[in-house]
Amino acid sequence: MAISKLILVAMVFFSLLVLHLVEADNQLVVNTDATESFYTPKLDCGAACEARCRLASRQKICKRACGTCCGRCNCVPPGTSGNQELCPCYFAMTTHGGKRKCP
């Protein structure tokens, strides 16, 4: 009877040890990923493109192009034109004809 209790206690202890090691390994993986990449909150592309295209003569086309660029880059330069250096991905995107895609 004493040996079976001892075996039961040893099995519970061993199970807790394995559970602890697995949890520690999972935390290590999460922390490693967190240091290599950082979380960037998703930009509200609709509002950002509305502000960017408010003075455009062809607002529907401007908003559509801006929305595509914003979705890919998660960035829209401030203001109604210019400021491309603040969002290099947005500025570098081009059409098939080689023209800048993003307004």
Protein backbone atom coordinates (compact mmCIF):
# COMPACT_ATOMS: atom_id res chain seq x y z
CA MET A 1 0.00 0.00 0.00
CA ALA A 2 2.82 2.43 0.88
CA ILE A 3 4.65 1.64 -2.36
CA SER A 4 1.56 2.34 -4.49
CA LYS A 5 1.10 5.71 -2.75
CA LEU A 6 4.75 6.47 -3.35
CA ILE A 7 4.40 5.58 -7.04
CA LEU A 8 1.25 7.71 -7.32
CA VAL A 9 3.00 10.72 -5.71
CA ALA A 10 6.01 10.22 -7.99
CA MET A 11 3.76 10.10 -11.07
CA VAL A 12 1.95 13.29 -10.05
CA PHE A 13 5.27 15.02 -9.38
CA PHE A 14 6.66 13.84 -12.73
CA SER A 15 3.51 15.04 -14.54
CA LEU A 16 3.78 18.46 -12.94
CA LEU A 17 7.46 18.65 -13.88
CA VAL A 18 6.71 17.80 -17.52
CA LEU A 19 3.86 20.32 -17.61
CA HIS A 20 6.14 23.00 -16.18
CA LEU A 21 8.86 22.26 -18.76
CA VAL A 22 6.39 22.37 -21.65
CA GLU A 23 4.97 25.69 -20.42
CA ALA A 24 8.48 27.13 -20.04
CA ASP A 25 9.33 26.03 -23.58
CA ASN A 26 6.18 27.69 -24.93
CA GLN A 27 7.02 30.94 -23.16
CA LEU A 28 10.52 30.85 -24.60
CA VAL A 29 9.13 30.54 -28.13
CA VAL A 30 6.71 33.42 -27.57
CA ASN A 31 9.41 35.65 -26.12
CA THR A 32 11.82 34.84 -28.96
CA ASP A 33 9.20 35.77 -31.55
CA ALA A 34 8.35 38.96 -29.67
CA THR A 35 11.95 40.17 -29.73
CA GLU A 36 12.41 39.48 -33.44
CA SER A 37 9.25 41.22 -34.59
CA PHE A 38 7.13 43.88 -33.00
CA TYR A 39 3.39 44.30 -32.99
CA THR A 40 2.10 47.04 -35.22
CA PRO A 41 -1.55 47.93 -34.70
CA LYS A 42 -3.69 47.79 -37.84
CA LEU A 43 -4.24 51.24 -39.34
CA ASP A 44 -7.79 52.40 -40.12
CA CYS A 45 -7.24 52.66 -43.87
CA GLY A 46 -10.68 54.10 -44.57
CA ALA A 47 -10.16 57.14 -42.37
CA ALA A 48 -6.53 57.60 -43.41
CA CYS A 49 -7.40 57.46 -47.12
CA GLU A 50 -10.39 59.75 -46.61
CA ALA A 51 -8.01 62.35 -45.19
CA ARG A 52 -5.37 61.72 -47.88
CA CYS A 53 -7.84 62.00 -50.79
CA ARG A 54 -10.10 64.80 -49.54
CA LEU A 55 -8.74 67.32 -52.06
CA ALA A 56 -8.39 64.91 -55.01
CA SER A 57 -10.40 65.66 -58.16
CA ARG A 58 -11.18 61.95 -58.61
CA GLN A 59 -11.86 60.86 -55.04
CA LYS A 60 -13.18 57.34 -55.76
CA ILE A 61 -10.07 56.39 -57.72
CA CYS A 62 -7.82 58.03 -55.14
CA LYS A 63 -9.49 56.20 -52.24
CA ARG A 64 -9.37 52.86 -54.06
CA ALA A 65 -5.65 53.18 -54.83
CA CYS A 66 -4.91 54.50 -51.37
CA GLY A 67 -6.87 51.64 -49.77
CA THR A 68 -4.86 49.07 -51.72
CA CYS A 69 -1.57 50.69 -50.74
CA CYS A 70 -2.62 51.09 -47.11
CA GLY A 71 -3.72 47.46 -46.91
CA ARG A 72 -0.34 46.26 -48.15
CA CYS A 73 1.85 48.73 -46.24
CA ASN A 74 -0.28 49.50 -43.17
CA CYS A 75 0.82 53.09 -43.63
CA VAL A 76 -0.52 56.28 -45.25
CA PRO A 77 1.58 59.47 -45.31
CA PRO A 78 -0.03 62.43 -43.55
CA GLY A 79 -1.48 65.29 -45.52
CA THR A 80 -3.09 65.38 -48.94
CA SER A 81 0.12 64.98 -50.95
CA GLY A 82 3.84 64.55 -50.48
CA ASN A 83 5.41 63.25 -47.26
CA GLN A 84 6.36 59.99 -49.00
CA GLU A 85 9.55 59.68 -46.95
CA LEU A 86 7.39 58.93 -43.90
CA CYS A 87 6.05 55.75 -45.52
CA PRO A 88 8.66 54.19 -47.87
CA CYS A 89 6.55 51.12 -48.72
CA TYR A 90 3.65 53.34 -49.80
CA PHE A 91 5.96 55.52 -51.89
CA ALA A 92 7.77 52.61 -53.60
CA MET A 93 4.65 50.82 -54.88
CA THR A 94 4.22 51.20 -58.65
CA THR A 95 1.75 50.18 -61.36
CA HIS A 96 2.58 47.81 -64.22
CA GLY A 97 3.43 50.91 -66.27
CA GLY A 98 6.05 52.04 -63.75
CA LYS A 99 4.03 54.97 -62.39
CA ARG A 100 3.52 55.45 -58.67
CA LYS A 101 0.41 53.61 -57.59
CA CYS A 102 -0.27 55.35 -54.31
CA PRO A 103 -1.67 58.89 -54.19
